[in-house]
């Protein structure tokens, strides 16, 4: 079909989108570990929540496992960007394993805040999603019973604490900015003296990607969010788009696109979660171009210049 006979489709491409500095760093740690130590290098859990990224690293020599018990002796292991409970590196050290911690520095900051607050004798109300690796890792930094998980406004209304005047809160880094604000408003209403962290725990990349979606949501008929179904920040982008007035769908690859979605659609927004590589964005655009005469316009909300240092010993690998 020539472009002359293809229906027109305008694409508004959100920026920032895709990889954040923490994801870039984590992937690079695995790649450099393979270069330095040779394959295989073991990785506990998905390094980031994206099948394309995981499969690409597998092809280079990474082996992904669920638990440390599956890592043989005398091979290096990498911990994922989401962070791990303290017991995991302790067990690795006990076994004499060489390990590299790819935890996002912004998640590590939350870990240190949790330790400091508990050492001050405060109980922490932690806003996050039950079972998410980042939440599991953060709870594993402090003694059991030191933190209580709060997922929703309803949880915030009902949570009970022994000492209401000796509380603090922390949050998962990949939450909905708006949902978190509502939960916090309820917690502050109930516990006026609750101590806030020094800075917002929701990471810059999560906030920026949600803001970029808000900037284009009302101007599009459909929003495609490229990301994994187990990616918290990607799912939040879908929710943000819907909340701001447009239909939105989460897809992992271009092959998941159903062209029936585009009946009556003239303008499509495209974004990608923080663990989705730009190559998948281009794949989606190219796939749409097989059916439509597409025009592309990038809408940039803010320019990101954040970069994180690699662990000592890998810089010159």
C-alpha atoms as a PDB file:
ATOM      1  CA  UNK A   1       0.000   0.000   0.000  1.00  0.00           C
ATOM      2  CA  UNK A   2       1.497   3.342  -1.010  1.00  0.00           C
ATOM      3  CA  UNK A   3       1.420   6.276   1.394  1.00  0.00           C
ATOM      4  CA  UNK A   4      -1.031   7.975  -0.956  1.00  0.00           C
ATOM      5  CA  UNK A   5      -3.676   5.368  -0.101  1.00  0.00           C
ATOM      6  CA  UNK A   6      -2.841   4.950   3.588  1.00  0.00           C
ATOM      7  CA  UNK A   7      -4.996   6.746   6.160  1.00  0.00           C
ATOM      8  CA  UNK A   8      -3.182   9.539   7.990  1.00  0.00           C
ATOM      9  CA  UNK A   9      -2.057   9.015  11.570  1.00  0.00           C
ATOM     10  CA  UNK A  10      -0.407  11.696  13.682  1.00  0.00           C
ATOM     11  CA  UNK A  11       1.993  10.468  16.359  1.00  0.00           C
ATOM     12  CA  UNK A  12       2.790  12.531  19.431  1.00  0.00           C
ATOM     13  CA  UNK A  13       5.847  10.964  21.034  1.00  0.00           C
ATOM     14  CA  UNK A  14       6.324  11.783  24.703  1.00  0.00           C
ATOM     15  CA  UNK A  15       9.687  12.878  26.047  1.00  0.00           C
ATOM     16  CA  UNK A  16      11.191  11.935  28.387  1.00  0.00           C
ATOM     17  CA  UNK A  17      10.404   8.262  27.796  1.00  0.00           C
ATOM     18  CA  UNK A  18      12.193   4.943  28.042  1.00  0.00           C
ATOM     19  CA  UNK A  19      15.421   4.216  29.869  1.00  0.00           C
ATOM     20  CA  UNK A  20      16.263   6.173  32.999  1.00  0.00           C
ATOM     21  CA  UNK A  21      19.752   6.559  34.461  1.00  0.00           C
ATOM     22  CA  UNK A  22      19.217   3.723  36.960  1.00  0.00           C
ATOM     23  CA  UNK A  23      18.179   1.279  34.229  1.00  0.00           C
ATOM     24  CA  UNK A  24      21.074   2.357  31.987  1.00  0.00           C
ATOM     25  CA  UNK A  25      23.479   1.751  34.876  1.00  0.00           C
ATOM     26  CA  UNK A  26      22.049  -1.658  35.780  1.00  0.00           C
ATOM     27  CA  UNK A  27      22.218  -2.980  32.222  1.00  0.00           C
ATOM     28  CA  UNK A  28      25.743  -1.648  31.806  1.00  0.00           C
ATOM     29  CA  UNK A  29      26.821  -3.386  35.023  1.00  0.00           C
ATOM     30  CA  UNK A  30      25.723  -6.754  33.598  1.00  0.00           C
ATOM     31  CA  UNK A  31      27.415  -6.076  30.250  1.00  0.00           C
ATOM     32  CA  UNK A  32      30.675  -4.984  31.871  1.00  0.00           C
ATOM     33  CA  UNK A  33      30.617  -7.916  34.287  1.00  0.00           C
ATOM     34  CA  UNK A  34      30.394 -10.291  31.301  1.00  0.00           C
ATOM     35  CA  UNK A  35      33.299  -8.459  29.626  1.00  0.00           C
ATOM     36  CA  UNK A  36      35.403  -8.560  32.788  1.00  0.00           C
ATOM     37  CA  UNK A  37      34.665 -12.049  34.128  1.00  0.00           C
ATOM     38  CA  UNK A  38      33.484 -13.828  30.986  1.00  0.00           C
ATOM     39  CA  UNK A  39      30.200 -15.668  30.582  1.00  0.00           C
ATOM     40  CA  UNK A  40      28.228 -16.774  32.369  1.00  0.00           C
ATOM     41  CA  UNK A  41      27.387 -14.019  34.820  1.00  0.00           C
ATOM     42  CA  UNK A  42      24.396 -14.782  37.021  1.00  0.00           C
ATOM     43  CA  UNK A  43      21.704 -12.190  37.763  1.00  0.00           C
ATOM     44  CA  UNK A  44      19.297 -12.560  40.668  1.00  0.00           C
ATOM     45  CA  UNK A  45      15.835 -11.684  39.319  1.00  0.00           C
ATOM     46  CA  UNK A  46      15.239  -9.692  36.125  1.00  0.00           C
ATOM     47  CA  UNK A  47      17.840  -6.920  36.035  1.00  0.00           C
ATOM     48  CA  UNK A  48      14.982  -4.619  34.971  1.00  0.00           C
ATOM     49  CA  UNK A  49      11.387  -5.480  34.100  1.00  0.00           C
ATOM     50  CA  UNK A  50      11.647  -5.848  30.342  1.00  0.00           C
ATOM     51  CA  UNK A  51      11.715  -9.106  28.374  1.00  0.00           C
ATOM     52  CA  UNK A  52      13.604  -7.610  25.405  1.00  0.00           C
ATOM     53  CA  UNK A  53      16.375  -6.358  27.705  1.00  0.00           C
ATOM     54  CA  UNK A  54      16.554  -9.664  29.582  1.00  0.00           C
ATOM     55  CA  UNK A  55      16.674 -11.698  26.361  1.00  0.00           C
ATOM     56  CA  UNK A  56      19.387  -9.434  24.932  1.00  0.00           C
ATOM     57  CA  UNK A  57      21.531  -9.924  28.041  1.00  0.00           C
ATOM     58  CA  UNK A  58      20.903 -13.683  27.981  1.00  0.00           C
ATOM     59  CA  UNK A  59      22.303 -13.751  24.456  1.00  0.00           C
ATOM     60  CA  UNK A  60      25.457 -12.034  25.752  1.00  0.00           C
ATOM     61  CA  UNK A  61      25.973 -14.582  28.533  1.00  0.00           C
ATOM     62  CA  UNK A  62      23.764 -13.580  31.470  1.00  0.00           C
ATOM     63  CA  UNK A  63      21.831 -16.265  33.348  1.00  0.00           C
ATOM     64  CA  UNK A  64      18.804 -15.069  35.303  1.00  0.00           C
ATOM     65  CA  UNK A  65      17.751 -16.911  38.451  1.00  0.00           C
ATOM     66  CA  UNK A  66      15.045 -16.434  41.053  1.00  0.00           C
ATOM     67  CA  UNK A  67      17.193 -16.973  44.134  1.00  0.00           C
ATOM     68  CA  UNK A  68      20.825 -17.030  45.231  1.00  0.00           C
ATOM     69  CA  UNK A  69      20.626 -20.790  45.848  1.00  0.00           C
ATOM     70  CA  UNK A  70      20.573 -21.253  42.058  1.00  0.00           C
ATOM     71  CA  UNK A  71      23.938 -19.502  41.612  1.00  0.00           C
ATOM     72  CA  UNK A  72      26.905 -21.925  41.484  1.00  0.00           C
ATOM     73  CA  UNK A  73      29.997 -21.336  43.591  1.00  0.00           C
ATOM     74  CA  UNK A  74      32.843 -19.288  42.116  1.00  0.00           C
ATOM     75  CA  UNK A  75      30.814 -17.283  39.589  1.00  0.00           C
ATOM     76  CA  UNK A  76      29.867 -13.603  39.817  1.00  0.00           C
ATOM     77  CA  UNK A  77      26.287 -12.586  40.545  1.00  0.00           C
ATOM     78  CA  UNK A  78      24.526  -9.264  39.955  1.00  0.00           C
ATOM     79  CA  UNK A  79      21.631  -7.969  42.060  1.00  0.00           C
ATOM     80  CA  UNK A  80      18.801  -6.281  40.149  1.00  0.00           C
ATOM     81  CA  UNK A  81      18.067  -2.561  39.888  1.00  0.00           C
ATOM     82  CA  UNK A  82      15.102  -2.924  42.260  1.00  0.00           C
ATOM     83  CA  UNK A  83      17.289  -3.631  45.282  1.00  0.00           C
ATOM     84  CA  UNK A  84      17.508  -6.651  47.573  1.00  0.00           C
ATOM     85  CA  UNK A  85      17.008  -7.339  51.283  1.00  0.00           C
ATOM     86  CA  UNK A  86      20.188  -7.141  53.384  1.00  0.00           C
ATOM     87  CA  UNK A  87      20.069 -10.907  53.845  1.00  0.00           C
ATOM     88  CA  UNK A  88      20.898 -11.481  50.152  1.00  0.00           C
ATOM     89  CA  UNK A  89      24.372  -9.861  49.986  1.00  0.00           C
ATOM     90  CA  UNK A  90      25.057 -11.278  53.463  1.00  0.00           C
ATOM     91  CA  UNK A  91      24.339 -14.766  52.162  1.00  0.00           C
ATOM     92  CA  UNK A  92      26.471 -14.131  49.055  1.00  0.00           C
ATOM     93  CA  UNK A  93      29.380 -13.017  51.234  1.00  0.00           C
ATOM     94  CA  UNK A  94      28.929 -16.062  53.456  1.00  0.00           C
ATOM     95  CA  UNK A  95      29.270 -18.283  50.389  1.00  0.00           C
ATOM     96  CA  UNK A  96      32.281 -16.326  49.137  1.00  0.00           C
ATOM     97  CA  UNK A  97      30.464 -15.221  45.981  1.00  0.00           C
ATOM     98  CA  UNK A  98      31.682 -12.213  44.051  1.00  0.00           C
ATOM     99  CA  UNK A  99      28.675  -9.932  43.679  1.00  0.00           C
ATOM    100  CA  UNK A 100      27.819  -6.619  42.049  1.00  0.00           C
ATOM    101  CA  UNK A 101      24.932  -4.527  43.307  1.00  0.00           C
ATOM    102  CA  UNK A 102      23.011  -2.883  40.450  1.00  0.00           C
ATOM    103  CA  UNK A 103      20.423  -1.337  42.782  1.00  0.00           C
ATOM    104  CA  UNK A 104      19.340   2.055  41.453  1.00  0.00           C
ATOM    105  CA  UNK A 105      21.050   4.734  43.575  1.00  0.00           C
ATOM    106  CA  UNK A 106      17.668   6.371  44.165  1.00  0.00           C
ATOM    107  CA  UNK A 107      16.354   3.114  45.629  1.00  0.00           C
ATOM    108  CA  UNK A 108      19.524   2.792  47.717  1.00  0.00           C
ATOM    109  CA  UNK A 109      18.797   6.285  49.065  1.00  0.00           C
ATOM    110  CA  UNK A 110      15.402   5.067  50.304  1.00  0.00           C
ATOM    111  CA  UNK A 111      17.130   2.070  51.935  1.00  0.00           C
ATOM    112  CA  UNK A 112      19.457   4.370  53.867  1.00  0.00           C
ATOM    113  CA  UNK A 113      16.557   6.631  54.861  1.00  0.00           C
ATOM    114  CA  UNK A 114      14.692   3.607  56.224  1.00  0.00           C
ATOM    115  CA  UNK A 115      17.686   2.534  58.306  1.00  0.00           C
ATOM    116  CA  UNK A 116      18.226   6.035  59.657  1.00  0.00           C
ATOM    117  CA  UNK A 117      14.569   6.545  60.619  1.00  0.00           C
ATOM    118  CA  UNK A 118      14.324   3.173  62.358  1.00  0.00           C
ATOM    119  CA  UNK A 119      17.565   3.895  64.226  1.00  0.00           C
ATOM    120  CA  UNK A 120      15.898   7.099  65.421  1.00  0.00           C
ATOM    121  CA  UNK A 121      13.136   4.965  66.867  1.00  0.00           C
ATOM    122  CA  UNK A 122      10.473   5.898  64.338  1.00  0.00           C
ATOM    123  CA  UNK A 123       7.964   3.528  62.776  1.00  0.00           C
ATOM    124  CA  UNK A 124       7.718   3.876  58.987  1.00  0.00           C
ATOM    125  CA  UNK A 125       4.555   3.855  56.927  1.00  0.00           C
ATOM    126  CA  UNK A 126       5.791   2.725  53.529  1.00  0.00           C
ATOM    127  CA  UNK A 127       3.667   3.591  50.499  1.00  0.00           C
ATOM    128  CA  UNK A 128       4.080   0.977  47.782  1.00  0.00           C
ATOM    129  CA  UNK A 129       2.741  -2.127  46.072  1.00  0.00           C
ATOM    130  CA  UNK A 130       2.812  -5.432  47.969  1.00  0.00           C
ATOM    131  CA  UNK A 131       5.171  -7.990  46.473  1.00  0.00           C
ATOM    132  CA  UNK A 132       7.036  -5.589  44.201  1.00  0.00           C
ATOM    133  CA  UNK A 133      10.796  -6.360  44.339  1.00  0.00           C
ATOM    134  CA  UNK A 134      11.607  -2.799  45.398  1.00  0.00           C
ATOM    135  CA  UNK A 135       9.200  -3.038  48.324  1.00  0.00           C
ATOM    136  CA  UNK A 136      10.564  -6.445  49.357  1.00  0.00           C
ATOM    137  CA  UNK A 137      14.114  -5.059  49.172  1.00  0.00           C
ATOM    138  CA  UNK A 138      13.311  -1.974  51.241  1.00  0.00           C
ATOM    139  CA  UNK A 139      11.485  -3.924  53.956  1.00  0.00           C
ATOM    140  CA  UNK A 140      14.546  -6.171  54.091  1.00  0.00           C
ATOM    141  CA  UNK A 141      16.764  -3.273  55.199  1.00  0.00           C
ATOM    142  CA  UNK A 142      15.234  -2.940  58.641  1.00  0.00           C
ATOM    143  CA  UNK A 143      14.081  -5.277  61.456  1.00  0.00           C
ATOM    144  CA  UNK A 144      10.732  -6.973  60.953  1.00  0.00           C
ATOM    145  CA  UNK A 145       7.885  -4.892  62.307  1.00  0.00           C
ATOM    146  CA  UNK A 146       9.672  -1.572  61.740  1.00  0.00           C
ATOM    147  CA  UNK A 147       7.552  -0.695  58.696  1.00  0.00           C
ATOM    148  CA  UNK A 148       3.916  -1.003  57.697  1.00  0.00           C
ATOM    149  CA  UNK A 149       2.857  -1.139  54.046  1.00  0.00           C
ATOM    150  CA  UNK A 150       0.207   1.338  52.905  1.00  0.00           C
ATOM    151  CA  UNK A 151      -1.062   0.770  49.347  1.00  0.00           C
ATOM    152  CA  UNK A 152      -4.229   2.875  49.048  1.00  0.00           C
ATOM    153  CA  UNK A 153      -6.140   5.785  50.550  1.00  0.00           C
ATOM    154  CA  UNK A 154      -8.333   3.172  52.241  1.00  0.00           C
ATOM    155  CA  UNK A 155      -5.229   1.659  53.850  1.00  0.00           C
ATOM    156  CA  UNK A 156      -4.202   5.126  55.013  1.00  0.00           C
ATOM    157  CA  UNK A 157      -7.643   5.586  56.604  1.00  0.00           C
ATOM    158  CA  UNK A 158      -7.463   2.291  58.463  1.00  0.00           C
ATOM    159  CA  UNK A 159      -3.800   1.791  59.428  1.00  0.00           C
ATOM    160  CA  UNK A 160      -3.180   1.640  63.165  1.00  0.00           C
ATOM    161  CA  UNK A 161       0.110   2.450  64.875  1.00  0.00           C
ATOM    162  CA  UNK A 162       1.348   2.161  68.443  1.00  0.00           C
ATOM    163  CA  UNK A 163       2.815   5.669  68.647  1.00  0.00           C
ATOM    164  CA  UNK A 164       1.115   8.156  66.267  1.00  0.00           C
ATOM    165  CA  UNK A 165       3.546  10.915  67.238  1.00  0.00           C
ATOM    166  CA  UNK A 166       6.631   8.927  66.287  1.00  0.00           C
ATOM    167  CA  UNK A 167       5.991   8.152  62.614  1.00  0.00           C
ATOM    168  CA  UNK A 168       7.713   8.717  59.282  1.00  0.00           C
ATOM    169  CA  UNK A 169       6.780   7.788  55.729  1.00  0.00           C
ATOM    170  CA  UNK A 170       8.733   6.613  52.714  1.00  0.00           C
ATOM    171  CA  UNK A 171       7.563   5.577  49.250  1.00  0.00           C
ATOM    172  CA  UNK A 172       8.385   3.200  46.439  1.00  0.00           C
ATOM    173  CA  UNK A 173      10.155   5.145  43.672  1.00  0.00           C
ATOM    174  CA  UNK A 174       7.848   4.096  40.810  1.00  0.00           C
ATOM    175  CA  UNK A 175       4.412   5.120  42.075  1.00  0.00           C
ATOM    176  CA  UNK A 176       1.732   7.311  40.554  1.00  0.00           C
ATOM    177  CA  UNK A 177       2.501  10.862  41.638  1.00  0.00           C
ATOM    178  CA  UNK A 178      -1.207  11.699  41.950  1.00  0.00           C
ATOM    179  CA  UNK A 179      -2.188   8.521  43.811  1.00  0.00           C
ATOM    180  CA  UNK A 180       0.692   8.961  46.229  1.00  0.00           C
ATOM    181  CA  UNK A 181      -0.318  12.555  46.916  1.00  0.00           C
ATOM    182  CA  UNK A 182      -3.817  11.361  47.839  1.00  0.00           C
ATOM    183  CA  UNK A 183      -2.477   8.684  50.203  1.00  0.00           C
ATOM    184  CA  UNK A 184      -0.111  11.189  51.805  1.00  0.00           C
ATOM    185  CA  UNK A 185      -2.901  13.720  52.264  1.00  0.00           C
ATOM    186  CA  UNK A 186      -4.886  11.143  54.239  1.00  0.00           C
ATOM    187  CA  UNK A 187      -1.840  10.122  56.329  1.00  0.00           C
ATOM    188  CA  UNK A 188      -1.052  13.760  57.152  1.00  0.00           C
ATOM    189  CA  UNK A 189      -4.681  14.353  58.067  1.00  0.00           C
ATOM    190  CA  UNK A 190      -4.610  11.430  60.513  1.00  0.00           C
ATOM    191  CA  UNK A 191      -1.017  11.861  61.720  1.00  0.00           C
ATOM    192  CA  UNK A 192      -0.121  15.584  61.558  1.00  0.00           C
ATOM    193  CA  UNK A 193       3.358  15.041  63.013  1.00  0.00           C
ATOM    194  CA  UNK A 194       4.389  12.318  60.531  1.00  0.00           C
ATOM    195  CA  UNK A 195       7.940  12.974  59.361  1.00  0.00           C
ATOM    196  CA  UNK A 196       8.559  13.337  55.640  1.00  0.00           C
ATOM    197  CA  UNK A 197      11.788  12.257  53.920  1.00  0.00           C
ATOM    198  CA  UNK A 198      14.196  15.053  52.995  1.00  0.00           C
ATOM    199  CA  UNK A 199      13.181  14.853  49.332  1.00  0.00           C
ATOM    200  CA  UNK A 200      10.459  13.197  47.277  1.00  0.00           C
ATOM    201  CA  UNK A 201      11.120   9.455  47.030  1.00  0.00           C
ATOM    202  CA  UNK A 202       9.267   9.069  43.726  1.00  0.00           C
ATOM    203  CA  UNK A 203      12.157   9.202  41.299  1.00  0.00           C
ATOM    204  CA  UNK A 204      12.723  11.985  38.784  1.00  0.00           C
ATOM    205  CA  UNK A 205      12.233   9.596  35.846  1.00  0.00           C
ATOM    206  CA  UNK A 206       8.877   8.310  37.102  1.00  0.00           C
ATOM    207  CA  UNK A 207       7.638  11.864  37.674  1.00  0.00           C
ATOM    208  CA  UNK A 208       8.950  13.109  34.330  1.00  0.00           C
ATOM    209  CA  UNK A 209       7.403  10.260  32.327  1.00  0.00           C
ATOM    210  CA  UNK A 210       4.046  10.744  33.997  1.00  0.00           C
ATOM    211  CA  UNK A 211       4.241  14.484  33.352  1.00  0.00           C
ATOM    212  CA  UNK A 212       5.066  13.897  29.682  1.00  0.00           C
ATOM    213  CA  UNK A 213       2.009  11.651  29.326  1.00  0.00           C
ATOM    214  CA  UNK A 214      -0.203  14.302  30.942  1.00  0.00           C
ATOM    215  CA  UNK A 215       1.173  16.866  28.479  1.00  0.00           C
ATOM    216  CA  UNK A 216      -0.159  14.969  25.449  1.00  0.00           C
ATOM    217  CA  UNK A 217      -3.031  12.847  26.802  1.00  0.00           C
ATOM    218  CA  UNK A 218      -5.849  15.246  26.012  1.00  0.00           C
ATOM    219  CA  UNK A 219      -4.544  15.777  22.468  1.00  0.00           C
ATOM    220  CA  UNK A 220      -4.579  12.112  21.421  1.00  0.00           C
ATOM    221  CA  UNK A 221      -7.293   9.536  20.729  1.00  0.00           C
ATOM    222  CA  UNK A 222      -5.195   6.597  21.897  1.00  0.00           C
ATOM    223  CA  UNK A 223      -2.049   6.223  23.997  1.00  0.00           C
ATOM    224  CA  UNK A 224       0.341   3.321  23.470  1.00  0.00           C
ATOM    225  CA  UNK A 225       2.582   2.654  26.472  1.00  0.00           C
ATOM    226  CA  UNK A 226       5.528   0.373  25.708  1.00  0.00           C
ATOM    227  CA  UNK A 227       6.532  -1.622  28.743  1.00  0.00           C
ATOM    228  CA  UNK A 228       6.225  -4.901  30.621  1.00  0.00           C
ATOM    229  CA  UNK A 229       3.093  -6.010  32.482  1.00  0.00           C
ATOM    230  CA  UNK A 230       5.205  -6.426  35.652  1.00  0.00           C
ATOM    231  CA  UNK A 231       6.729  -2.936  35.313  1.00  0.00           C
ATOM    232  CA  UNK A 232       5.239  -0.682  37.976  1.00  0.00           C
ATOM    233  CA  UNK A 233       6.211   2.584  36.311  1.00  0.00           C
ATOM    234  CA  UNK A 234       4.836   1.427  32.922  1.00  0.00           C
ATOM    235  CA  UNK A 235       1.465   0.479  34.401  1.00  0.00           C
ATOM    236  CA  UNK A 236       1.308   3.852  36.125  1.00  0.00           C
ATOM    237  CA  UNK A 237       1.720   5.561  32.716  1.00  0.00           C
ATOM    238  CA  UNK A 238      -1.383   3.775  31.446  1.00  0.00           C
ATOM    239  CA  UNK A 239      -3.315   4.908  34.527  1.00  0.00           C
ATOM    240  CA  UNK A 240      -2.135   8.498  34.117  1.00  0.00           C
ATOM    241  CA  UNK A 241      -3.253   8.574  30.475  1.00  0.00           C
ATOM    242  CA  UNK A 242      -6.701   7.170  31.298  1.00  0.00           C
ATOM    243  CA  UNK A 243      -7.104   9.584  34.194  1.00  0.00           C
ATOM    244  CA  UNK A 244      -6.312  12.439  31.826  1.00  0.00           C
ATOM    245  CA  UNK A 245      -8.997  11.536  29.356  1.00  0.00           C
ATOM    246  CA  UNK A 246      -7.674   9.104  26.768  1.00  0.00           C
ATOM    247  CA  UNK A 247      -7.821   5.395  26.056  1.00  0.00           C
ATOM    248  CA  UNK A 248      -4.460   3.755  26.792  1.00  0.00           C
ATOM    249  CA  UNK A 249      -2.981   0.307  26.203  1.00  0.00           C
ATOM    250  CA  UNK A 250       0.175  -1.341  27.542  1.00  0.00           C
ATOM    251  CA  UNK A 251       2.131  -3.307  24.941  1.00  0.00           C
ATOM    252  CA  UNK A 252       5.504  -5.040  25.109  1.00  0.00           C
ATOM    253  CA  UNK A 253       6.231  -5.188  21.379  1.00  0.00           C
ATOM    254  CA  UNK A 254       4.798  -3.909  18.089  1.00  0.00           C
ATOM    255  CA  UNK A 255       3.458  -7.395  17.352  1.00  0.00           C
ATOM    256  CA  UNK A 256       0.847  -6.923  20.113  1.00  0.00           C
ATOM    257  CA  UNK A 257      -0.780  -4.032  18.260  1.00  0.00           C
ATOM    258  CA  UNK A 258      -4.311  -4.713  17.006  1.00  0.00           C
ATOM    259  CA  UNK A 259      -5.124  -2.404  14.104  1.00  0.00           C
ATOM    260  CA  UNK A 260      -8.805  -2.558  15.078  1.00  0.00           C
ATOM    261  CA  UNK A 261      -7.848  -0.236  17.946  1.00  0.00           C
ATOM    262  CA  UNK A 262      -7.342   2.518  15.378  1.00  0.00           C
ATOM    263  CA  UNK A 263     -10.885   2.754  14.006  1.00  0.00           C
ATOM    264  CA  UNK A 264     -11.761   6.440  14.189  1.00  0.00           C
ATOM    265  CA  UNK A 265      -8.319   7.287  15.627  1.00  0.00           C
ATOM    266  CA  UNK A 266      -6.398  10.171  14.051  1.00  0.00           C
ATOM    267  CA  UNK A 267      -3.814  10.991  16.726  1.00  0.00           C
ATOM    268  CA  UNK A 268      -1.821   8.502  18.798  1.00  0.00           C
ATOM    269  CA  UNK A 269       0.442   9.179  21.754  1.00  0.00           C
ATOM    270  CA  UNK A 270       3.473   6.961  22.284  1.00  0.00           C
ATOM    271  CA  UNK A 271       5.572   6.601  25.404  1.00  0.00           C
ATOM    272  CA  UNK A 272       7.736   3.948  27.043  1.00  0.00           C
ATOM    273  CA  UNK A 273       8.341   2.918  30.622  1.00  0.00           C
ATOM    274  CA  UNK A 274      11.718   3.473  32.262  1.00  0.00           C
ATOM    275  CA  UNK A 275      12.919  -0.061  31.493  1.00  0.00           C
ATOM    276  CA  UNK A 276      11.855  -0.112  27.820  1.00  0.00           C
ATOM    277  CA  UNK A 277      14.611   0.598  25.253  1.00  0.00           C
ATOM    278  CA  UNK A 278      14.211   3.141  22.463  1.00  0.00           C
ATOM    279  CA  UNK A 279      14.538   0.399  19.836  1.00  0.00           C
ATOM    280  CA  UNK A 280      11.058  -0.812  20.843  1.00  0.00           C
ATOM    281  CA  UNK A 281       9.632   2.687  20.343  1.00  0.00           C
ATOM    282  CA  UNK A 282      11.042   2.763  16.810  1.00  0.00           C
ATOM    283  CA  UNK A 283       9.708  -0.738  16.204  1.00  0.00           C
ATOM    284  CA  UNK A 284       6.183   0.421  17.093  1.00  0.00           C
ATOM    285  CA  UNK A 285       6.427   3.515  14.886  1.00  0.00           C
ATOM    286  CA  UNK A 286       7.732   1.467  11.947  1.00  0.00           C
ATOM    287  CA  UNK A 287       4.930  -1.071  12.424  1.00  0.00           C
ATOM    288  CA  UNK A 288       2.290   1.668  12.385  1.00  0.00           C
ATOM    289  CA  UNK A 289       3.873   3.044   9.199  1.00  0.00           C
ATOM    290  CA  UNK A 290       3.080  -0.221   7.394  1.00  0.00           C
ATOM    291  CA  UNK A 291      -0.624   0.604   7.695  1.00  0.00           C
ATOM    292  CA  UNK A 292      -0.777   4.390   8.054  1.00  0.00           C
ATOM    293  CA  UNK A 293       0.826   7.489   6.597  1.00  0.00           C
ATOM    294  CA  UNK A 294       2.391   8.589   9.871  1.00  0.00           C
ATOM    295  CA  UNK A 295       3.690  11.962  10.911  1.00  0.00           C
ATOM    296  CA  UNK A 296       5.849  12.152  14.033  1.00  0.00           C
ATOM    297  CA  UNK A 297       6.200  14.966  16.538  1.00  0.00           C
ATOM    298  CA  UNK A 298       8.163  14.679  19.769  1.00  0.00           C
ATOM    299  CA  UNK A 299       6.730  16.621  22.696  1.00  0.00           C
ATOM    300  CA  UNK A 300       9.480  17.197  25.242  1.00  0.00           C
ATOM    301  CA  UNK A 301       8.452  18.192  28.741  1.00  0.00           C
ATOM    302  CA  UNK A 302      11.921  18.359  30.281  1.00  0.00           C
ATOM    303  CA  UNK A 303      15.451  17.341  29.318  1.00  0.00           C
ATOM    304  CA  UNK A 304      17.030  14.681  31.508  1.00  0.00           C
ATOM    305  CA  UNK A 305      20.757  14.825  32.186  1.00  0.00           C
ATOM    306  CA  UNK A 306      21.026  12.455  35.152  1.00  0.00           C
ATOM    307  CA  UNK A 307      23.809   9.851  35.128  1.00  0.00           C
ATOM    308  CA  UNK A 308      24.985   7.481  37.870  1.00  0.00           C
ATOM    309  CA  UNK A 309      28.485   6.176  38.517  1.00  0.00           C
ATOM    310  CA  UNK A 310      29.310   2.521  38.000  1.00  0.00           C
ATOM    311  CA  UNK A 311      30.489   0.383  40.934  1.00  0.00           C
ATOM    312  CA  UNK A 312      34.191   0.584  41.727  1.00  0.00           C
ATOM    313  CA  UNK A 313      36.138  -1.956  39.712  1.00  0.00           C
ATOM    314  CA  UNK A 314      33.911  -1.862  36.649  1.00  0.00           C
ATOM    315  CA  UNK A 315      34.701   1.608  35.336  1.00  0.00           C
ATOM    316  CA  UNK A 316      37.737   0.418  33.390  1.00  0.00           C
ATOM    317  CA  UNK A 317      36.401  -3.009  32.494  1.00  0.00           C
END
